[in-house]
Protein backbone atom coordinates (compact mmCIF):
# COMPACT_ATOMS: atom_id res chain seq x y z
CA MET A 1 7.70 216.93 4.94
CA ILE A 2 9.34 214.98 2.13
CA ASP A 3 7.03 212.77 0.07
CA HIS A 4 9.70 210.72 -1.68
CA VAL A 5 13.27 210.64 -2.95
CA GLY A 6 14.48 209.25 -6.27
CA LEU A 7 17.92 207.86 -7.07
CA LYS A 8 19.43 206.90 -10.40
CA VAL A 9 21.50 203.72 -10.20
CA LYS A 10 23.88 202.01 -12.63
CA ASP A 11 23.08 198.40 -11.76
CA PHE A 12 19.38 198.25 -10.93
CA LYS A 13 19.28 194.65 -9.65
CA LYS A 14 22.36 195.10 -7.46
CA SER A 15 21.04 198.37 -6.01
CA LEU A 16 17.56 196.97 -5.44
CA GLY A 17 19.08 194.04 -3.54
CA PHE A 18 21.21 196.43 -1.49
CA TYR A 19 18.34 198.74 -0.49
CA ALA A 20 15.87 195.91 0.18
CA LYS A 21 18.34 194.20 2.53
CA ALA A 22 19.97 197.27 4.13
CA LEU A 23 16.64 199.00 4.86
CA GLY A 24 14.84 195.77 5.81
CA PRO A 25 15.59 196.31 9.53
CA LEU A 26 13.64 199.60 9.29
CA GLY A 27 10.62 197.78 7.87
CA TYR A 28 11.24 198.79 4.24
CA LYS A 29 9.90 196.52 1.51
CA VAL A 30 9.71 196.71 -2.26
CA LEU A 31 6.20 198.08 -2.80
CA SER A 32 6.31 198.71 -6.54
CA GLU A 33 8.56 197.36 -9.27
CA GLY A 34 8.73 197.63 -13.03
CA GLU A 35 11.29 197.49 -15.82
CA GLY A 36 14.31 199.33 -14.39
CA TYR A 37 12.56 201.00 -11.44
CA ALA A 38 11.29 200.17 -7.96
CA GLY A 39 9.67 201.96 -5.05
CA LEU A 40 10.47 201.00 -1.46
CA GLY A 41 8.74 202.07 1.74
CA THR A 42 7.19 201.05 5.03
CA THR A 43 3.58 201.83 4.17
CA LYS A 44 1.42 201.54 1.05
CA SER A 45 3.20 204.45 -0.61
CA PRO A 46 6.91 204.19 -1.53
CA ASP A 47 9.15 206.99 -0.28
CA LEU A 48 12.38 205.79 -1.90
CA TRP A 49 12.45 205.22 -5.66
CA ILE A 50 15.40 203.82 -7.56
CA SER A 51 15.66 203.68 -11.33
CA THR A 52 18.24 202.79 -13.94
CA GLY A 53 20.29 205.78 -15.05
CA GLU A 54 23.45 207.75 -14.44
CA PRO A 55 24.00 208.24 -10.69
CA PRO A 56 24.85 211.76 -9.48
CA LYS A 57 28.49 212.62 -8.87
CA PRO A 58 29.33 213.19 -6.16
CA GLY A 59 26.81 210.84 -4.58
CA VAL A 60 24.06 211.96 -2.25
CA HIS A 61 23.62 211.47 1.49
CA LEU A 62 20.40 209.77 2.61
CA ALA A 63 19.62 209.51 6.32
CA PHE A 64 16.87 207.29 7.75
CA VAL A 65 15.59 207.12 11.34
CA GLY A 66 15.94 203.91 13.31
CA LYS A 67 13.80 203.76 16.44
CA LYS A 68 16.34 201.61 18.31
CA ARG A 69 20.11 201.36 18.24
CA ALA A 70 19.79 197.68 17.40
CA ILE A 71 18.13 198.72 14.12
CA VAL A 72 21.14 200.92 13.32
CA ASP A 73 23.41 197.94 14.03
CA ARG A 74 21.34 195.63 11.81
CA PHE A 75 21.24 198.21 8.99
CA HIS A 76 25.03 198.42 8.98
CA ALA A 77 25.51 194.64 9.03
CA GLU A 78 22.90 194.03 6.31
CA GLY A 79 24.16 196.91 4.18
CA VAL A 80 27.73 195.61 4.18
CA ARG A 81 26.53 192.03 3.63
CA ALA A 82 24.45 193.26 0.65
CA GLY A 83 27.48 194.74 -1.10
CA GLY A 84 27.74 198.17 0.49
CA ARG A 85 31.00 199.56 1.84
CA ASP A 86 31.45 200.60 5.44
CA ASN A 87 31.58 204.38 5.89
CA GLY A 88 31.24 204.47 9.68
CA LYS A 89 30.46 201.62 12.05
CA PRO A 90 27.54 202.00 14.49
CA GLY A 91 28.29 204.31 17.37
CA ILE A 92 27.70 207.62 19.11
CA ARG A 93 28.55 210.74 17.10
CA LYS A 94 29.01 213.30 19.91
CA ASP A 95 29.85 216.01 17.37
CA TYR A 96 26.18 215.97 16.31
CA HIS A 97 24.64 215.55 19.78
CA PRO A 98 25.22 213.29 22.81
CA ASN A 99 22.62 210.69 21.77
CA TYR A 100 23.30 210.61 18.02
CA TYR A 101 23.82 206.89 17.38
CA ALA A 102 24.41 206.24 13.69
CA ALA A 103 26.03 204.05 11.08
CA PHE A 104 26.99 204.81 7.48
CA VAL A 105 27.30 202.59 4.40
CA PHE A 106 28.15 203.51 0.82
CA ASP A 107 25.65 201.96 -1.60
CA PRO A 108 26.84 200.39 -4.91
CA ASP A 109 26.88 203.88 -6.52
CA ASP A 110 28.80 205.56 -3.67
CA ASN A 111 25.78 207.28 -2.12
CA ASN A 112 26.27 207.66 1.63
CA VAL A 113 23.36 205.92 3.36
CA GLU A 114 22.90 206.52 7.10
CA VAL A 115 20.57 205.24 9.77
CA VAL A 116 20.42 207.22 13.00
CA CYS A 117 18.74 206.68 16.37
CA HIS A 118 18.25 209.79 18.51
CA ASP A 119 16.70 207.96 21.50
CA PRO A 120 19.02 208.23 24.51
CA LYS A 121 17.70 204.88 25.84
CA GLY A 122 18.40 203.26 22.48
């Protein structure tokens, strides 16, 4: 089990806005914030930390679980609205498995952020 993930970002305010809005449909909130860093999560303990620094090249791929397909749809819409770039509209990815419903958005630092729903009833 992963406890948390940390990302370095060039523009902290822009990235914080992106992640707060894009992951909002999953119940993510900013739980901790200081000078140039923030922790986001769905419980009392953040599981995604962002901080000012040099982002990795190439970027990383982060995948989050959405319990319903509508959450995947909202993530994609909010992520693009918050300044992310489309990297795959919501839909079934049969290459992964028949019920793999996902969407992908590049964050401001070109990390590939995904939300996937595995529930066949969606």
